[in-house]
Amino acid sequence: MGKLIPLPIMERNWQGITLDFVVKPLRSKLPGVAKPYDGILVVGDRRSKYSTFLPSPIEVPSFGPNCGILCLLSLAVNL
């Protein structure tokens, strides 16, 4: 086993983020949206501990290995 090295401390908010998917909490439908959501995308800032919770469908299409955070956020916001 290698030596454990802590993550660097961020100097500004939103320099280091975490992405988590919460799957199958409860199926919900937002007013005015045709497709029901059955997952939650959690975007968290490591420095300020601020988190944003975005409704998301479980069937997220793959954009390939070059998809960054902007792909995921635009997918979650525009669905």
PDB file of N, CA and C in Angstrom:
ATOM      1  N   MET A   1       0.835  -1.187   0.000  1.00  0.00           N
ATOM      2  CA  MET A   1       0.000   0.000   0.000  1.00  0.00           C
ATOM      3  C   MET A   1       0.874   1.243   0.000  1.00  0.00           C
ATOM      4  N   GLY A   2       0.399   2.239  -0.742  1.00  0.00           N
ATOM      5  CA  GLY A   2       1.119   3.505  -0.801  1.00  0.00           C
ATOM      6  C   GLY A   2       0.777   4.410   0.369  1.00  0.00           C
ATOM      7  N   LYS A   3       1.543   5.463   0.483  1.00  0.00           N
ATOM      8  CA  LYS A   3       1.327   6.431   1.546  1.00  0.00           C
ATOM      9  C   LYS A   3       0.106   7.292   1.208  1.00  0.00           C
ATOM     10  N   LEU A   4      -0.743   7.533   2.196  1.00  0.00           N
ATOM     11  CA  LEU A   4      -1.922   8.374   1.984  1.00  0.00           C
ATOM     12  C   LEU A   4      -1.513   9.840   1.915  1.00  0.00           C
ATOM     13  N   ILE A   5      -1.984  10.519   0.892  1.00  0.00           N
ATOM     14  CA  ILE A   5      -1.668  11.930   0.700  1.00  0.00           C
ATOM     15  C   ILE A   5      -2.983  12.703   0.686  1.00  0.00           C
ATOM     16  N   PRO A   6      -3.139  13.711   1.559  1.00  0.00           N
ATOM     17  CA  PRO A   6      -4.399  14.463   1.579  1.00  0.00           C
ATOM     18  C   PRO A   6      -4.566  15.298   0.315  1.00  0.00           C
ATOM     19  N   LEU A   7      -5.814  15.579  -0.023  1.00  0.00           N
ATOM     20  CA  LEU A   7      -6.109  16.438  -1.162  1.00  0.00           C
ATOM     21  C   LEU A   7      -5.674  17.867  -0.851  1.00  0.00           C
ATOM     22  N   PRO A   8      -5.256  18.613  -1.859  1.00  0.00           N
ATOM     23  CA  PRO A   8      -4.832  19.993  -1.598  1.00  0.00           C
ATOM     24  C   PRO A   8      -6.004  20.857  -1.135  1.00  0.00           C
ATOM     25  N   ILE A   9      -5.696  21.867  -0.326  1.00  0.00           N
ATOM     26  CA  ILE A   9      -6.713  22.796   0.160  1.00  0.00           C
ATOM     27  C   ILE A   9      -6.977  23.829  -0.931  1.00  0.00           C
ATOM     28  N   MET A  10      -8.233  24.014  -1.271  1.00  0.00           N
ATOM     29  CA  MET A  10      -8.612  24.934  -2.335  1.00  0.00           C
ATOM     30  C   MET A  10      -8.509  26.378  -1.845  1.00  0.00           C
ATOM     31  N   GLU A  11      -8.106  27.274  -2.739  1.00  0.00           N
ATOM     32  CA  GLU A  11      -7.979  28.687  -2.389  1.00  0.00           C
ATOM     33  C   GLU A  11      -9.275  29.457  -2.604  1.00  0.00           C
ATOM     34  N   ARG A  12     -10.109  28.996  -3.549  1.00  0.00           N
ATOM     35  CA  ARG A  12     -11.373  29.665  -3.848  1.00  0.00           C
ATOM     36  C   ARG A  12     -12.483  28.632  -3.899  1.00  0.00           C
ATOM     37  N   ASN A  13     -13.708  29.101  -3.730  1.00  0.00           N
ATOM     38  CA  ASN A  13     -14.863  28.215  -3.854  1.00  0.00           C
ATOM     39  C   ASN A  13     -14.982  27.708  -5.283  1.00  0.00           C
ATOM     40  N   TRP A  14     -15.499  26.524  -5.444  1.00  0.00           N
ATOM     41  CA  TRP A  14     -15.788  25.857  -6.703  1.00  0.00           C
ATOM     42  C   TRP A  14     -14.541  25.509  -7.512  1.00  0.00           C
ATOM     43  N   GLN A  15     -13.365  25.480  -6.872  1.00  0.00           N
ATOM     44  CA  GLN A  15     -12.171  24.961  -7.544  1.00  0.00           C
ATOM     45  C   GLN A  15     -12.154  23.440  -7.503  1.00  0.00           C
ATOM     46  N   GLY A  16     -12.699  22.879  -6.460  1.00  0.00           N
ATOM     47  CA  GLY A  16     -12.787  21.429  -6.329  1.00  0.00           C
ATOM     48  C   GLY A  16     -14.221  21.039  -6.035  1.00  0.00           C
ATOM     49  N   ILE A  17     -14.803  20.219  -6.892  1.00  0.00           N
ATOM     50  CA  ILE A  17     -16.199  19.843  -6.709  1.00  0.00           C
ATOM     51  C   ILE A  17     -16.333  18.329  -6.656  1.00  0.00           C
ATOM     52  N   THR A  18     -17.457  17.894  -6.143  1.00  0.00           N
ATOM     53  CA  THR A  18     -17.806  16.477  -6.141  1.00  0.00           C
ATOM     54  C   THR A  18     -19.128  16.307  -6.872  1.00  0.00           C
ATOM     55  N   LEU A  19     -19.278  15.184  -7.542  1.00  0.00           N
ATOM     56  CA  LEU A  19     -20.520  14.835  -8.228  1.00  0.00           C
ATOM     57  C   LEU A  19     -20.992  13.497  -7.696  1.00  0.00           C
ATOM     58  N   ASP A  20     -22.219  13.445  -7.271  1.00  0.00           N
ATOM     59  CA  ASP A  20     -22.812  12.203  -6.787  1.00  0.00           C
ATOM     60  C   ASP A  20     -24.190  12.042  -7.403  1.00  0.00           C
ATOM     61  N   PHE A  21     -24.529  10.804  -7.733  1.00  0.00           N
ATOM     62  CA  PHE A  21     -25.870  10.488  -8.204  1.00  0.00           C
ATOM     63  C   PHE A  21     -26.595   9.717  -7.112  1.00  0.00           C
ATOM     64  N   VAL A  22     -27.769  10.199  -6.725  1.00  0.00           N
ATOM     65  CA  VAL A  22     -28.649   9.462  -5.824  1.00  0.00           C
ATOM     66  C   VAL A  22     -29.703   8.834  -6.719  1.00  0.00           C
ATOM     67  N   VAL A  23     -29.714   7.508  -6.765  1.00  0.00           N
ATOM     68  CA  VAL A  23     -30.614   6.825  -7.694  1.00  0.00           C
ATOM     69  C   VAL A  23     -31.782   6.190  -6.957  1.00  0.00           C
ATOM     70  N   LYS A  24     -32.927   6.232  -7.615  1.00  0.00           N
ATOM     71  CA  LYS A  24     -34.170   5.619  -7.136  1.00  0.00           C
ATOM     72  C   LYS A  24     -34.619   6.112  -5.762  1.00  0.00           C
ATOM     73  N   PRO A  25     -34.589   7.443  -5.465  1.00  0.00           N
ATOM     74  CA  PRO A  25     -35.137   7.877  -4.175  1.00  0.00           C
ATOM     75  C   PRO A  25     -36.655   7.724  -4.179  1.00  0.00           C
ATOM     76  N   LEU A  26     -37.347   8.561  -4.864  1.00  0.00           N
ATOM     77  CA  LEU A  26     -38.787   8.477  -5.114  1.00  0.00           C
ATOM     78  C   LEU A  26     -39.024   9.091  -6.481  1.00  0.00           C
ATOM     79  N   ARG A  27     -39.885   8.497  -7.246  1.00  0.00           N
ATOM     80  CA  ARG A  27     -40.184   9.039  -8.571  1.00  0.00           C
ATOM     81  C   ARG A  27     -41.026  10.302  -8.397  1.00  0.00           C
ATOM     82  N   SER A  28     -40.609  11.392  -9.019  1.00  0.00           N
ATOM     83  CA  SER A  28     -41.338  12.646  -8.861  1.00  0.00           C
ATOM     84  C   SER A  28     -41.511  13.314 -10.214  1.00  0.00           C
ATOM     85  N   LYS A  29     -42.497  14.163 -10.278  1.00  0.00           N
ATOM     86  CA  LYS A  29     -42.780  14.880 -11.518  1.00  0.00           C
ATOM     87  C   LYS A  29     -42.868  16.362 -11.198  1.00  0.00           C
ATOM     88  N   LEU A  30     -42.083  17.154 -11.912  1.00  0.00           N
ATOM     89  CA  LEU A  30     -42.120  18.594 -11.723  1.00  0.00           C
ATOM     90  C   LEU A  30     -43.242  19.189 -12.560  1.00  0.00           C
ATOM     91  N   PRO A  31     -43.893  20.248 -12.088  1.00  0.00           N
ATOM     92  CA  PRO A  31     -44.959  20.878 -12.868  1.00  0.00           C
ATOM     93  C   PRO A  31     -44.417  21.423 -14.188  1.00  0.00           C
ATOM     94  N   GLY A  32     -45.126  21.157 -15.270  1.00  0.00           N
ATOM     95  CA  GLY A  32     -44.724  21.650 -16.574  1.00  0.00           C
ATOM     96  C   GLY A  32     -43.665  20.830 -17.278  1.00  0.00           C
ATOM     97  N   VAL A  33     -43.229  19.715 -16.684  1.00  0.00           N
ATOM     98  CA  VAL A  33     -42.204  18.860 -17.289  1.00  0.00           C
ATOM     99  C   VAL A  33     -42.838  17.526 -17.624  1.00  0.00           C
ATOM    100  N   ALA A  34     -42.658  17.084 -18.869  1.00  0.00           N
ATOM    101  CA  ALA A  34     -43.326  15.859 -19.319  1.00  0.00           C
ATOM    102  C   ALA A  34     -42.706  14.597 -18.727  1.00  0.00           C
ATOM    103  N   LYS A  35     -41.385  14.577 -18.567  1.00  0.00           N
ATOM    104  CA  LYS A  35     -40.700  13.365 -18.121  1.00  0.00           C
ATOM    105  C   LYS A  35     -40.506  13.369 -16.596  1.00  0.00           C
ATOM    106  N   PRO A  36     -40.915  12.319 -15.897  1.00  0.00           N
ATOM    107  CA  PRO A  36     -40.676  12.274 -14.450  1.00  0.00           C
ATOM    108  C   PRO A  36     -39.204  11.998 -14.147  1.00  0.00           C
ATOM    109  N   TYR A  37     -38.748  12.488 -13.021  1.00  0.00           N
ATOM    110  CA  TYR A  37     -37.366  12.295 -12.597  1.00  0.00           C
ATOM    111  C   TYR A  37     -37.304  11.182 -11.565  1.00  0.00           C
ATOM    112  N   ASP A  38     -36.272  10.335 -11.664  1.00  0.00           N
ATOM    113  CA  ASP A  38     -36.116   9.267 -10.679  1.00  0.00           C
ATOM    114  C   ASP A  38     -34.693   9.216 -10.137  1.00  0.00           C
ATOM    115  N   GLY A  39     -34.000  10.339 -10.167  1.00  0.00           N
ATOM    116  CA  GLY A  39     -32.657  10.427  -9.609  1.00  0.00           C
ATOM    117  C   GLY A  39     -32.333  11.863  -9.246  1.00  0.00           C
ATOM    118  N   ILE A  40     -31.267  12.041  -8.486  1.00  0.00           N
ATOM    119  CA  ILE A  40     -30.827  13.368  -8.078  1.00  0.00           C
ATOM    120  C   ILE A  40     -29.325  13.467  -8.338  1.00  0.00           C
ATOM    121  N   LEU A  41     -28.904  14.524  -9.034  1.00  0.00           N
ATOM    122  CA  LEU A  41     -27.489  14.814  -9.225  1.00  0.00           C
ATOM    123  C   LEU A  41     -27.093  15.829  -8.164  1.00  0.00           C
ATOM    124  N   VAL A  42     -26.139  15.467  -7.311  1.00  0.00           N
ATOM    125  CA  VAL A  42     -25.678  16.345  -6.243  1.00  0.00           C
ATOM    126  C   VAL A  42     -24.311  16.894  -6.646  1.00  0.00           C
ATOM    127  N   VAL A  43     -24.215  18.222  -6.777  1.00  0.00           N
ATOM    128  CA  VAL A  43     -22.953  18.892  -7.085  1.00  0.00           C
ATOM    129  C   VAL A  43     -22.534  19.630  -5.825  1.00  0.00           C
ATOM    130  N   GLY A  44     -21.376  19.263  -5.265  1.00  0.00           N
ATOM    131  CA  GLY A  44     -20.932  19.854  -4.009  1.00  0.00           C
ATOM    132  C   GLY A  44     -19.585  20.538  -4.135  1.00  0.00           C
ATOM    133  N   ASP A  45     -19.430  21.649  -3.433  1.00  0.00           N
ATOM    134  CA  ASP A  45     -18.159  22.363  -3.368  1.00  0.00           C
ATOM    135  C   ASP A  45     -17.389  21.850  -2.160  1.00  0.00           C
ATOM    136  N   ARG A  46     -16.142  21.426  -2.377  1.00  0.00           N
ATOM    137  CA  ARG A  46     -15.361  20.852  -1.283  1.00  0.00           C
ATOM    138  C   ARG A  46     -14.945  21.890  -0.252  1.00  0.00           C
ATOM    139  N   ARG A  47     -14.730  23.135  -0.665  1.00  0.00           N
ATOM    140  CA  ARG A  47     -14.235  24.152   0.264  1.00  0.00           C
ATOM    141  C   ARG A  47     -15.348  24.719   1.143  1.00  0.00           C
ATOM    142  N   SER A  48     -16.446  25.169   0.523  1.00  0.00           N
ATOM    143  CA  SER A  48     -17.513  25.819   1.286  1.00  0.00           C
ATOM    144  C   SER A  48     -18.566  24.843   1.790  1.00  0.00           C
ATOM    145  N   LYS A  49     -18.515  23.600   1.319  1.00  0.00           N
ATOM    146  CA  LYS A  49     -19.490  22.562   1.676  1.00  0.00           C
ATOM    147  C   LYS A  49     -20.893  22.883   1.159  1.00  0.00           C
ATOM    148  N   TYR A  50     -20.998  23.773   0.174  1.00  0.00           N
ATOM    149  CA  TYR A  50     -22.280  24.115  -0.441  1.00  0.00           C
ATOM    150  C   TYR A  50     -22.627  23.046  -1.469  1.00  0.00           C
ATOM    151  N   SER A  51     -23.873  22.608  -1.476  1.00  0.00           N
ATOM    152  CA  SER A  51     -24.309  21.581  -2.422  1.00  0.00           C
ATOM    153  C   SER A  51     -25.543  22.052  -3.175  1.00  0.00           C
ATOM    154  N   THR A  52     -25.628  21.638  -4.427  1.00  0.00           N
ATOM    155  CA  THR A  52     -26.779  21.900  -5.270  1.00  0.00           C
ATOM    156  C   THR A  52     -27.376  20.565  -5.664  1.00  0.00           C
ATOM    157  N   PHE A  53     -28.681  20.432  -5.566  1.00  0.00           N
ATOM    158  CA  PHE A  53     -29.378  19.188  -5.871  1.00  0.00           C
ATOM    159  C   PHE A  53     -30.212  19.399  -7.131  1.00  0.00           C
ATOM    160  N   LEU A  54     -29.903  18.626  -8.175  1.00  0.00           N
ATOM    161  CA  LEU A  54     -30.580  18.775  -9.460  1.00  0.00           C
ATOM    162  C   LEU A  54     -31.349  17.508  -9.788  1.00  0.00           C
ATOM    163  N   PRO A  55     -32.634  17.624 -10.146  1.00  0.00           N
ATOM    164  CA  PRO A  55     -33.376  16.429 -10.557  1.00  0.00           C
ATOM    165  C   PRO A  55     -32.807  15.895 -11.861  1.00  0.00           C
ATOM    166  N   SER A  56     -32.746  14.575 -11.963  1.00  0.00           N
ATOM    167  CA  SER A  56     -32.136  13.957 -13.137  1.00  0.00           C
ATOM    168  C   SER A  56     -32.788  12.607 -13.401  1.00  0.00           C
ATOM    169  N   PRO A  57     -32.932  12.234 -14.679  1.00  0.00           N
ATOM    170  CA  PRO A  57     -33.419  10.882 -14.969  1.00  0.00           C
ATOM    171  C   PRO A  57     -32.292   9.870 -14.761  1.00  0.00           C
ATOM    172  N   ILE A  58     -32.653   8.626 -14.487  1.00  0.00           N
ATOM    173  CA  ILE A  58     -31.642   7.587 -14.306  1.00  0.00           C
ATOM    174  C   ILE A  58     -30.957   7.273 -15.629  1.00  0.00           C
ATOM    175  N   GLU A  59     -31.694   7.259 -16.721  1.00  0.00           N
ATOM    176  CA  GLU A  59     -31.134   6.924 -18.027  1.00  0.00           C
ATOM    177  C   GLU A  59     -30.393   8.131 -18.585  1.00  0.00           C
ATOM    178  N   VAL A  60     -29.177   8.358 -18.115  1.00  0.00           N
ATOM    179  CA  VAL A  60     -28.363   9.471 -18.586  1.00  0.00           C
ATOM    180  C   VAL A  60     -27.542   8.988 -19.773  1.00  0.00           C
ATOM    181  N   PRO A  61     -27.655   9.642 -20.940  1.00  0.00           N
ATOM    182  CA  PRO A  61     -26.874   9.194 -22.091  1.00  0.00           C
ATOM    183  C   PRO A  61     -25.387   9.438 -21.882  1.00  0.00           C
ATOM    184  N   SER A  62     -24.568   8.614 -22.497  1.00  0.00           N
ATOM    185  CA  SER A  62     -23.124   8.732 -22.366  1.00  0.00           C
ATOM    186  C   SER A  62     -22.585   9.681 -23.423  1.00  0.00           C
ATOM    187  N   PHE A  63     -21.743  10.593 -23.007  1.00  0.00           N
ATOM    188  CA  PHE A  63     -21.104  11.513 -23.937  1.00  0.00           C
ATOM    189  C   PHE A  63     -19.651  11.136 -24.181  1.00  0.00           C
ATOM    190  N   GLY A  64     -19.183  10.050 -23.612  1.00  0.00           N
ATOM    191  CA  GLY A  64     -17.811   9.613 -23.813  1.00  0.00           C
ATOM    192  C   GLY A  64     -16.879  10.121 -22.728  1.00  0.00           C
ATOM    193  N   PRO A  65     -15.613   9.727 -22.804  1.00  0.00           N
ATOM    194  CA  PRO A  65     -14.662  10.074 -21.743  1.00  0.00           C
ATOM    195  C   PRO A  65     -14.287  11.551 -21.712  1.00  0.00           C
ATOM    196  N   ASN A  66     -14.545  12.297 -22.780  1.00  0.00           N
ATOM    197  CA  ASN A  66     -14.166  13.704 -22.817  1.00  0.00           C
ATOM    198  C   ASN A  66     -15.249  14.631 -22.289  1.00  0.00           C
ATOM    199  N   CYS A  67     -16.322  14.079 -21.777  1.00  0.00           N
ATOM    200  CA  CYS A  67     -17.404  14.900 -21.238  1.00  0.00           C
ATOM    201  C   CYS A  67     -16.989  15.439 -19.874  1.00  0.00           C
ATOM    202  N   GLY A  68     -17.041  16.737 -19.724  1.00  0.00           N
ATOM    203  CA  GLY A  68     -16.672  17.354 -18.461  1.00  0.00           C
ATOM    204  C   GLY A  68     -17.891  17.729 -17.646  1.00  0.00           C
ATOM    205  N   ILE A  69     -17.676  18.560 -16.661  1.00  0.00           N
ATOM    206  CA  ILE A  69     -18.738  18.980 -15.759  1.00  0.00           C
ATOM    207  C   ILE A  69     -19.808  19.773 -16.507  1.00  0.00           C
ATOM    208  N   LEU A  70     -19.419  20.532 -17.530  1.00  0.00           N
ATOM    209  CA  LEU A  70     -20.414  21.315 -18.262  1.00  0.00           C
ATOM    210  C   LEU A  70     -21.403  20.421 -18.987  1.00  0.00           C
ATOM    211  N   CYS A  71     -20.944  19.269 -19.502  1.00  0.00           N
ATOM    212  CA  CYS A  71     -21.861  18.315 -20.144  1.00  0.00           C
ATOM    213  C   CYS A  71     -22.881  17.808 -19.133  1.00  0.00           C
ATOM    214  N   LEU A  72     -22.404  17.409 -17.958  1.00  0.00           N
ATOM    215  CA  LEU A  72     -23.309  16.862 -16.945  1.00  0.00           C
ATOM    216  C   LEU A  72     -24.293  17.911 -16.452  1.00  0.00           C
ATOM    217  N   LEU A  73     -23.809  19.113 -16.193  1.00  0.00           N
ATOM    218  CA  LEU A  73     -24.700  20.156 -15.691  1.00  0.00           C
ATOM    219  C   LEU A  73     -25.706  20.587 -16.749  1.00  0.00           C
ATOM    220  N   SER A  74     -25.277  20.716 -17.999  1.00  0.00           N
ATOM    221  CA  SER A  74     -26.230  21.106 -19.034  1.00  0.00           C
ATOM    222  C   SER A  74     -27.255  20.011 -19.267  1.00  0.00           C
ATOM    223  N   LEU A  75     -26.837  18.760 -19.138  1.00  0.00           N
ATOM    224  CA  LEU A  75     -27.776  17.651 -19.270  1.00  0.00           C
ATOM    225  C   LEU A  75     -28.809  17.697 -18.153  1.00  0.00           C
ATOM    226  N   ALA A  76     -28.367  17.912 -16.919  1.00  0.00           N
ATOM    227  CA  ALA A  76     -29.283  17.919 -15.786  1.00  0.00           C
ATOM    228  C   ALA A  76     -30.224  19.115 -15.833  1.00  0.00           C
ATOM    229  N   VAL A  77     -29.743  20.259 -16.271  1.00  0.00           N
ATOM    230  CA  VAL A  77     -30.567  21.463 -16.273  1.00  0.00           C
ATOM    231  C   VAL A  77     -31.549  21.466 -17.438  1.00  0.00           C
ATOM    232  N   ASN A  78     -31.152  20.932 -18.580  1.00  0.00           N
ATOM    233  CA  ASN A  78     -31.979  21.030 -19.781  1.00  0.00           C
ATOM    234  C   ASN A  78     -32.950  19.883 -19.967  1.00  0.00           C
ATOM    235  N   LEU A  79     -32.982  18.892 -19.110  1.00  0.00           N
ATOM    236  CA  LEU A  79     -33.895  17.765 -19.306  1.00  0.00           C
ATOM    237  C   LEU A  79     -35.297  18.103 -18.903  1.00  0.00           C
TER     238      LEU A  79
END
